[in-house]
PDB file of N, CA and C in Angstrom:
ATOM      1  N   UNK A   1       2.301 -25.086 -44.996  1.00  0.00           N
ATOM      2  CA  UNK A   1       1.925 -23.674 -44.606  1.00  0.00           C
ATOM      3  C   UNK A   1       0.919 -23.669 -43.722  1.00  0.00           C
ATOM      4  N   UNK A   2       1.392 -22.478 -42.992  1.00  0.00           N
ATOM      5  CA  UNK A   2       0.093 -21.803 -42.160  1.00  0.00           C
ATOM      6  C   UNK A   2      -0.414 -20.722 -42.347  1.00  0.00           C
ATOM      7  N   UNK A   3      -1.746 -21.276 -42.206  1.00  0.00           N
ATOM      8  CA  UNK A   3      -3.356 -19.801 -42.793  1.00  0.00           C
ATOM      9  C   UNK A   3      -2.518 -19.051 -42.101  1.00  0.00           C
ATOM     10  N   UNK A   4      -3.231 -17.955 -43.432  1.00  0.00           N
ATOM     11  CA  UNK A   4      -2.401 -16.260 -42.450  1.00  0.00           C
ATOM     12  C   UNK A   4      -3.274 -16.278 -42.157  1.00  0.00           C
ATOM     13  N   UNK A   5      -4.774 -15.976 -42.057  1.00  0.00           N
ATOM     14  CA  UNK A   5      -5.696 -15.505 -40.266  1.00  0.00           C
ATOM     15  C   UNK A   5      -4.510 -16.087 -39.323  1.00  0.00           C
ATOM     16  N   UNK A   6      -4.230 -17.393 -39.113  1.00  0.00           N
ATOM     17  CA  UNK A   6      -3.788 -18.253 -37.790  1.00  0.00           C
ATOM     18  C   UNK A   6      -2.481 -17.584 -37.433  1.00  0.00           C
ATOM     19  N   UNK A   7      -1.563 -17.311 -38.563  1.00  0.00           N
ATOM     20  CA  UNK A   7      -0.422 -15.929 -38.628  1.00  0.00           C
ATOM     21  C   UNK A   7      -0.694 -15.103 -37.411  1.00  0.00           C
ATOM     22  N   UNK A   8      -1.746 -14.265 -38.073  1.00  0.00           N
ATOM     23  CA  UNK A   8      -2.323 -13.695 -37.780  1.00  0.00           C
ATOM     24  C   UNK A   8      -2.466 -13.171 -36.656  1.00  0.00           C
ATOM     25  N   UNK A   9      -3.359 -14.407 -35.519  1.00  0.00           N
ATOM     26  CA  UNK A   9      -3.649 -13.954 -34.556  1.00  0.00           C
ATOM     27  C   UNK A   9      -2.429 -14.600 -34.062  1.00  0.00           C
ATOM     28  N   UNK A  10      -2.087 -15.492 -34.134  1.00  0.00           N
ATOM     29  CA  UNK A  10      -0.468 -15.712 -33.328  1.00  0.00           C
ATOM     30  C   UNK A  10       0.046 -14.688 -32.787  1.00  0.00           C
ATOM     31  N   UNK A  11       0.311 -13.501 -33.746  1.00  0.00           N
ATOM     32  CA  UNK A  11       1.576 -12.236 -34.201  1.00  0.00           C
ATOM     33  C   UNK A  11       0.862 -11.334 -33.470  1.00  0.00           C
ATOM     34  N   UNK A  12      -0.357 -11.645 -32.796  1.00  0.00           N
ATOM     35  CA  UNK A  12      -1.155  -9.840 -31.545  1.00  0.00           C
ATOM     36  C   UNK A  12      -1.064 -11.035 -30.561  1.00  0.00           C
ATOM     37  N   UNK A  13      -1.627 -12.508 -30.448  1.00  0.00           N
ATOM     38  CA  UNK A  13      -0.917 -12.967 -29.163  1.00  0.00           C
ATOM     39  C   UNK A  13      -0.145 -12.847 -28.280  1.00  0.00           C
ATOM     40  N   UNK A  14       0.714 -13.095 -29.549  1.00  0.00           N
ATOM     41  CA  UNK A  14       1.968 -12.394 -29.035  1.00  0.00           C
ATOM     42  C   UNK A  14       2.069 -10.780 -28.538  1.00  0.00           C
ATOM     43  N   UNK A  15       1.862 -10.303 -29.230  1.00  0.00           N
ATOM     44  CA  UNK A  15       2.083  -8.502 -28.813  1.00  0.00           C
ATOM     45  C   UNK A  15       0.955  -8.314 -27.642  1.00  0.00           C
ATOM     46  N   UNK A  16       0.280  -8.888 -28.004  1.00  0.00           N
ATOM     47  CA  UNK A  16      -0.359  -9.366 -26.114  1.00  0.00           C
ATOM     48  C   UNK A  16      -0.059  -8.874 -25.039  1.00  0.00           C
ATOM     49  N   UNK A  17       0.882 -10.145 -25.127  1.00  0.00           N
ATOM     50  CA  UNK A  17       0.852 -10.902 -24.528  1.00  0.00           C
ATOM     51  C   UNK A  17       2.192 -10.086 -23.496  1.00  0.00           C
ATOM     52  N   UNK A  18       2.885  -9.185 -24.551  1.00  0.00           N
ATOM     53  CA  UNK A  18       4.115  -8.304 -25.012  1.00  0.00           C
ATOM     54  C   UNK A  18       3.491  -7.296 -23.568  1.00  0.00           C
ATOM     55  N   UNK A  19       2.257  -6.769 -24.188  1.00  0.00           N
ATOM     56  CA  UNK A  19       2.209  -5.720 -23.811  1.00  0.00           C
ATOM     57  C   UNK A  19       1.425  -5.591 -22.408  1.00  0.00           C
ATOM     58  N   UNK A  20       0.790  -6.532 -22.221  1.00  0.00           N
ATOM     59  CA  UNK A  20       1.012  -7.235 -20.753  1.00  0.00           C
ATOM     60  C   UNK A  20       1.951  -7.117 -19.412  1.00  0.00           C
ATOM     61  N   UNK A  21       2.870  -7.725 -20.670  1.00  0.00           N
ATOM     62  CA  UNK A  21       3.513  -8.329 -19.391  1.00  0.00           C
ATOM     63  C   UNK A  21       4.602  -6.402 -19.300  1.00  0.00           C
ATOM     64  N   UNK A  22       4.718  -5.760 -20.500  1.00  0.00           N
ATOM     65  CA  UNK A  22       5.279  -4.381 -20.055  1.00  0.00           C
ATOM     66  C   UNK A  22       4.452  -3.415 -19.301  1.00  0.00           C
ATOM     67  N   UNK A  23       3.184  -3.786 -19.124  1.00  0.00           N
ATOM     68  CA  UNK A  23       2.348  -2.971 -18.404  1.00  0.00           C
ATOM     69  C   UNK A  23       2.746  -3.754 -16.101  1.00  0.00           C
ATOM     70  N   UNK A  24       3.114  -4.921 -16.382  1.00  0.00           N
ATOM     71  CA  UNK A  24       3.009  -5.385 -15.166  1.00  0.00           C
ATOM     72  C   UNK A  24       4.270  -4.890 -14.595  1.00  0.00           C
ATOM     73  N   UNK A  25       5.310  -4.958 -15.174  1.00  0.00           N
ATOM     74  CA  UNK A  25       6.720  -4.249 -15.374  1.00  0.00           C
ATOM     75  C   UNK A  25       6.312  -3.024 -14.699  1.00  0.00           C
ATOM     76  N   UNK A  26       6.286  -2.128 -15.469  1.00  0.00           N
ATOM     77  CA  UNK A  26       5.954  -0.642 -14.706  1.00  0.00           C
ATOM     78  C   UNK A  26       5.527  -0.895 -13.825  1.00  0.00           C
ATOM     79  N   UNK A  27       4.513  -1.056 -13.537  1.00  0.00           N
ATOM     80  CA  UNK A  27       2.856  -1.310 -12.918  1.00  0.00           C
ATOM     81  C   UNK A  27       4.297  -1.825 -11.114  1.00  0.00           C
ATOM     82  N   UNK A  28       4.543  -2.761 -11.329  1.00  0.00           N
ATOM     83  CA  UNK A  28       6.223  -3.110 -10.283  1.00  0.00           C
ATOM     84  C   UNK A  28       7.172  -2.038 -10.011  1.00  0.00           C
ATOM     85  N   UNK A  29       7.158  -1.158 -11.252  1.00  0.00           N
ATOM     86  CA  UNK A  29       8.322   0.033 -10.969  1.00  0.00           C
ATOM     87  C   UNK A  29       7.980   0.404 -10.022  1.00  0.00           C
ATOM     88  N   UNK A  30       6.771   1.162 -10.193  1.00  0.00           N
ATOM     89  CA  UNK A  30       6.068   2.394 -10.332  1.00  0.00           C
ATOM     90  C   UNK A  30       5.438   2.077  -8.270  1.00  0.00           C
ATOM     91  N   UNK A  31       5.461   0.869  -7.823  1.00  0.00           N
ATOM     92  CA  UNK A  31       4.689   0.303  -6.848  1.00  0.00           C
ATOM     93  C   UNK A  31       6.630  -0.257  -5.918  1.00  0.00           C
ATOM     94  N   UNK A  32       7.653  -0.106  -6.813  1.00  0.00           N
ATOM     95  CA  UNK A  32       8.977  -0.185  -6.149  1.00  0.00           C
ATOM     96  C   UNK A  32       9.206   1.452  -5.568  1.00  0.00           C
ATOM     97  N   UNK A  33       9.353   1.881  -6.165  1.00  0.00           N
ATOM     98  CA  UNK A  33       9.304   3.617  -6.492  1.00  0.00           C
ATOM     99  C   UNK A  33       8.812   4.659  -5.257  1.00  0.00           C
ATOM    100  N   UNK A  34       7.813   4.309  -5.429  1.00  0.00           N
ATOM    101  CA  UNK A  34       6.996   4.353  -4.515  1.00  0.00           C
ATOM    102  C   UNK A  34       6.787   3.692  -2.930  1.00  0.00           C
ATOM    103  N   UNK A  35       6.694   2.519  -2.610  1.00  0.00           N
ATOM    104  CA  UNK A  35       7.140   2.001  -1.266  1.00  0.00           C
ATOM    105  C   UNK A  35       8.403   2.237  -0.674  1.00  0.00           C
ATOM    106  N   UNK A  36       9.494   2.267  -1.627  1.00  0.00           N
ATOM    107  CA  UNK A  36      11.053   2.563  -0.963  1.00  0.00           C
ATOM    108  C   UNK A  36      11.278   4.305  -0.672  1.00  0.00           C
ATOM    109  N   UNK A  37      10.618   4.973  -1.924  1.00  0.00           N
ATOM    110  CA  UNK A  37      10.776   6.478  -1.137  1.00  0.00           C
ATOM    111  C   UNK A  37      10.011   6.633   0.212  1.00  0.00           C
ATOM    112  N   UNK A  38       8.684   6.204   0.286  1.00  0.00           N
ATOM    113  CA  UNK A  38       8.036   6.973   1.209  1.00  0.00           C
ATOM    114  C   UNK A  38       8.545   5.837   2.352  1.00  0.00           C
ATOM    115  N   UNK A  39       9.465   4.944   2.546  1.00  0.00           N
ATOM    116  CA  UNK A  39      10.367   4.313   3.365  1.00  0.00           C
ATOM    117  C   UNK A  39      11.714   5.373   3.914  1.00  0.00           C
ATOM    118  N   UNK A  40      11.937   5.291   2.838  1.00  0.00           N
ATOM    119  CA  UNK A  40      13.631   5.320   2.424  1.00  0.00           C
ATOM    120  C   UNK A  40      13.901   7.622   3.100  1.00  0.00           C
ATOM    121  N   UNK A  41      12.924   8.112   2.070  1.00  0.00           N
ATOM    122  CA  UNK A  41      12.861   9.369   1.708  1.00  0.00           C
ATOM    123  C   UNK A  41      12.068  10.390   3.299  1.00  0.00           C
ATOM    124  N   UNK A  42      12.505  11.772   4.160  1.00  0.00           N
ATOM    125  CA  UNK A  42      12.669  11.876   4.719  1.00  0.00           C
ATOM    126  C   UNK A  42      11.215  12.878   4.524  1.00  0.00           C
ATOM    127  N   UNK A  43       9.933  13.440   4.312  1.00  0.00           N
ATOM    128  CA  UNK A  43       8.838  14.092   4.586  1.00  0.00           C
ATOM    129  C   UNK A  43       8.807  15.598   4.029  1.00  0.00           C
ATOM    130  N   UNK A  44      10.540  16.116   4.792  1.00  0.00           N
ATOM    131  CA  UNK A  44      10.574  17.658   5.287  1.00  0.00           C
ATOM    132  C   UNK A  44      11.882  17.118   4.209  1.00  0.00           C
ATOM    133  N   UNK A  45      11.871  18.136   3.368  1.00  0.00           N
ATOM    134  CA  UNK A  45      13.244  17.885   2.898  1.00  0.00           C
ATOM    135  C   UNK A  45      13.794  19.343   3.076  1.00  0.00           C
ATOM    136  N   UNK A  46      14.955  18.374   3.196  1.00  0.00           N
ATOM    137  CA  UNK A  46      15.733  19.793   4.454  1.00  0.00           C
ATOM    138  C   UNK A  46      17.428  19.483   2.987  1.00  0.00           C
ATOM    139  N   UNK A  47      16.983  19.072   1.787  1.00  0.00           N
ATOM    140  CA  UNK A  47      18.504  19.038   0.974  1.00  0.00           C
ATOM    141  C   UNK A  47      18.380  18.333  -0.217  1.00  0.00           C
ATOM    142  N   UNK A  48      18.462  19.077  -1.212  1.00  0.00           N
ATOM    143  CA  UNK A  48      18.343  19.054  -2.905  1.00  0.00           C
ATOM    144  C   UNK A  48      18.194  17.609  -3.233  1.00  0.00           C
ATOM    145  N   UNK A  49      19.634  17.139  -2.693  1.00  0.00           N
ATOM    146  CA  UNK A  49      19.464  16.100  -3.089  1.00  0.00           C
ATOM    147  C   UNK A  49      19.632  14.319  -2.065  1.00  0.00           C
ATOM    148  N   UNK A  50      19.702  13.237  -2.394  1.00  0.00           N
ATOM    149  CA  UNK A  50      19.162  12.566  -1.500  1.00  0.00           C
ATOM    150  C   UNK A  50      21.047  12.323  -0.354  1.00  0.00           C
ATOM    151  N   UNK A  51      20.755  12.030   1.119  1.00  0.00           N
ATOM    152  CA  UNK A  51      22.176  12.114   1.919  1.00  0.00           C
ATOM    153  C   UNK A  51      22.296  10.491   1.446  1.00  0.00           C
ATOM    154  N   UNK A  52      23.394  10.629   2.418  1.00  0.00           N
ATOM    155  CA  UNK A  52      24.273   9.198   2.444  1.00  0.00           C
ATOM    156  C   UNK A  52      22.753   8.084   2.728  1.00  0.00           C
ATOM    157  N   UNK A  53      22.616   8.254   4.039  1.00  0.00           N
ATOM    158  CA  UNK A  53      22.043   7.417   4.895  1.00  0.00           C
ATOM    159  C   UNK A  53      20.415   7.574   3.727  1.00  0.00           C
ATOM    160  N   UNK A  54      19.706   7.827   3.409  1.00  0.00           N
ATOM    161  CA  UNK A  54      18.751   7.721   2.017  1.00  0.00           C
ATOM    162  C   UNK A  54      19.300   6.762   1.308  1.00  0.00           C
ATOM    163  N   UNK A  55      20.425   7.291   0.259  1.00  0.00           N
ATOM    164  CA  UNK A  55      20.860   6.554  -0.549  1.00  0.00           C
ATOM    165  C   UNK A  55      21.061   4.905  -0.691  1.00  0.00           C
ATOM    166  N   UNK A  56      21.700   4.498   0.840  1.00  0.00           N
ATOM    167  CA  UNK A  56      21.418   3.407   1.571  1.00  0.00           C
ATOM    168  C   UNK A  56      20.750   2.797   2.031  1.00  0.00           C
ATOM    169  N   UNK A  57      19.705   3.557   2.214  1.00  0.00           N
ATOM    170  CA  UNK A  57      18.486   2.988   2.522  1.00  0.00           C
ATOM    171  C   UNK A  57      17.214   2.287   1.183  1.00  0.00           C
ATOM    172  N   UNK A  58      17.335   3.170   0.126  1.00  0.00           N
ATOM    173  CA  UNK A  58      17.168   2.706  -1.599  1.00  0.00           C
ATOM    174  C   UNK A  58      17.627   1.797  -1.814  1.00  0.00           C
ATOM    175  N   UNK A  59      19.281   2.136  -1.793  1.00  0.00           N
ATOM    176  CA  UNK A  59      19.970   0.239  -2.339  1.00  0.00           C
ATOM    177  C   UNK A  59      19.248  -0.855  -1.919  1.00  0.00           C
ATOM    178  N   UNK A  60      19.206  -0.507  -0.813  1.00  0.00           N
ATOM    179  CA  UNK A  60      19.161  -1.678   0.093  1.00  0.00           C
ATOM    180  C   UNK A  60      17.429  -2.387   0.033  1.00  0.00           C
ATOM    181  N   UNK A  61      16.623  -1.165  -0.191  1.00  0.00           N
ATOM    182  CA  UNK A  61      14.809  -1.409  -0.463  1.00  0.00           C
ATOM    183  C   UNK A  61      15.385  -1.773  -1.755  1.00  0.00           C
ATOM    184  N   UNK A  62      15.538  -1.221  -2.723  1.00  0.00           N
ATOM    185  CA  UNK A  62      15.342  -1.787  -4.116  1.00  0.00           C
ATOM    186  C   UNK A  62      15.721  -3.210  -3.702  1.00  0.00           C
ATOM    187  N   UNK A  63      16.849  -3.554  -3.310  1.00  0.00           N
ATOM    188  CA  UNK A  63      17.239  -4.997  -3.899  1.00  0.00           C
ATOM    189  C   UNK A  63      16.430  -6.110  -2.685  1.00  0.00           C
ATOM    190  N   UNK A  64      15.957  -5.810  -1.906  1.00  0.00           N
ATOM    191  CA  UNK A  64      14.743  -6.926  -1.512  1.00  0.00           C
ATOM    192  C   UNK A  64      14.411  -6.970  -2.195  1.00  0.00           C
ATOM    193  N   UNK A  65      13.218  -5.512  -2.582  1.00  0.00           N
ATOM    194  CA  UNK A  65      12.232  -5.606  -3.684  1.00  0.00           C
ATOM    195  C   UNK A  65      11.839  -7.182  -4.714  1.00  0.00           C
ATOM    196  N   UNK A  66      13.393  -6.536  -5.250  1.00  0.00           N
ATOM    197  CA  UNK A  66      13.288  -7.732  -6.718  1.00  0.00           C
ATOM    198  C   UNK A  66      13.697  -8.847  -5.633  1.00  0.00           C
ATOM    199  N   UNK A  67      14.374  -8.933  -5.333  1.00  0.00           N
ATOM    200  CA  UNK A  67      15.098 -10.303  -4.164  1.00  0.00           C
ATOM    201  C   UNK A  67      13.092 -11.247  -4.049  1.00  0.00           C
ATOM    202  N   UNK A  68      12.740 -10.508  -3.644  1.00  0.00           N
ATOM    203  CA  UNK A  68      11.083 -11.301  -2.965  1.00  0.00           C
ATOM    204  C   UNK A  68      10.024 -10.889  -4.036  1.00  0.00           C
ATOM    205  N   UNK A  69      10.135 -10.304  -5.216  1.00  0.00           N
ATOM    206  CA  UNK A  69       9.495 -10.195  -6.440  1.00  0.00           C
ATOM    207  C   UNK A  69      10.336 -11.503  -6.956  1.00  0.00           C
ATOM    208  N   UNK A  70      11.592 -11.896  -7.284  1.00  0.00           N
ATOM    209  CA  UNK A  70      11.861 -12.641  -8.008  1.00  0.00           C
ATOM    210  C   UNK A  70      11.921 -14.490  -7.521  1.00  0.00           C
ATOM    211  N   UNK A  71      11.146 -14.399  -6.147  1.00  0.00           N
ATOM    212  CA  UNK A  71      10.837 -15.323  -5.526  1.00  0.00           C
ATOM    213  C   UNK A  71       9.599 -15.858  -5.622  1.00  0.00           C
ATOM    214  N   UNK A  72       8.856 -14.769  -5.750  1.00  0.00           N
ATOM    215  CA  UNK A  72       7.839 -15.003  -5.655  1.00  0.00           C
ATOM    216  C   UNK A  72       6.879 -16.094  -7.102  1.00  0.00           C
ATOM    217  N   UNK A  73       8.379 -14.783  -7.740  1.00  0.00           N
ATOM    218  CA  UNK A  73       7.684 -14.828  -9.860  1.00  0.00           C
ATOM    219  C   UNK A  73       8.291 -17.089  -9.294  1.00  0.00           C
ATOM    220  N   UNK A  74       9.239 -17.403  -9.547  1.00  0.00           N
ATOM    221  CA  UNK A  74      10.019 -18.906  -8.388  1.00  0.00           C
ATOM    222  C   UNK A  74       8.836 -19.587  -8.259  1.00  0.00           C
ATOM    223  N   UNK A  75       8.519 -19.229  -7.077  1.00  0.00           N
ATOM    224  CA  UNK A  75       7.578 -19.574  -6.371  1.00  0.00           C
ATOM    225  C   UNK A  75       6.139 -20.179  -7.401  1.00  0.00           C
ATOM    226  N   UNK A  76       5.918 -19.144  -8.221  1.00  0.00           N
ATOM    227  CA  UNK A  76       4.556 -19.135  -8.833  1.00  0.00           C
ATOM    228  C   UNK A  76       4.740 -19.946  -9.890  1.00  0.00           C
ATOM    229  N   UNK A  77       5.986 -20.350 -10.443  1.00  0.00           N
ATOM    230  CA  UNK A  77       6.197 -21.111 -11.816  1.00  0.00           C
ATOM    231  C   UNK A  77       6.391 -22.267 -11.205  1.00  0.00           C
ATOM    232  N   UNK A  78       6.660 -22.865 -10.074  1.00  0.00           N
ATOM    233  CA  UNK A  78       7.045 -24.430 -10.069  1.00  0.00           C
ATOM    234  C   UNK A  78       5.735 -24.618  -8.769  1.00  0.00           C
ATOM    235  N   UNK A  79       5.087 -23.620  -9.458  1.00  0.00           N
ATOM    236  CA  UNK A  79       3.702 -24.423  -8.542  1.00  0.00           C
ATOM    237  C   UNK A  79       3.261 -23.550  -6.888  1.00  0.00           C
ATOM    238  N   UNK A  80       4.360 -23.946  -6.311  1.00  0.00           N
ATOM    239  CA  UNK A  80       4.847 -23.638  -4.746  1.00  0.00           C
ATOM    240  C   UNK A  80       5.553 -24.971  -4.035  1.00  0.00           C
ATOM    241  N   UNK A  81       6.229 -25.490  -4.860  1.00  0.00           N
ATOM    242  CA  UNK A  81       7.049 -27.416  -5.245  1.00  0.00           C
ATOM    243  C   UNK A  81       8.391 -26.829  -4.645  1.00  0.00           C
ATOM    244  N   UNK A  82       8.782 -27.172  -3.867  1.00  0.00           N
ATOM    245  CA  UNK A  82      10.251 -27.082  -3.757  1.00  0.00           C
ATOM    246  C   UNK A  82      10.725 -28.705  -4.008  1.00  0.00           C
TER     247      UNK A  82
END
């Protein structure tokens, strides 16, 4: 049976890691949103909704952003070894 103090410390560590992961995900989402918006949406808002070209650009941008992010995560996870 584990000591209650150790269990409490482990629980706090798990919650701390989960909180850091959530902060990372939010930051990643915000950076992706800003990057793709700046790349794909014209600064002069002519229409109230995105046009077909902007939608297509955003779809591709988001897809590439996630692909590259996952690729980097895999490379960091393996120490860059292939």
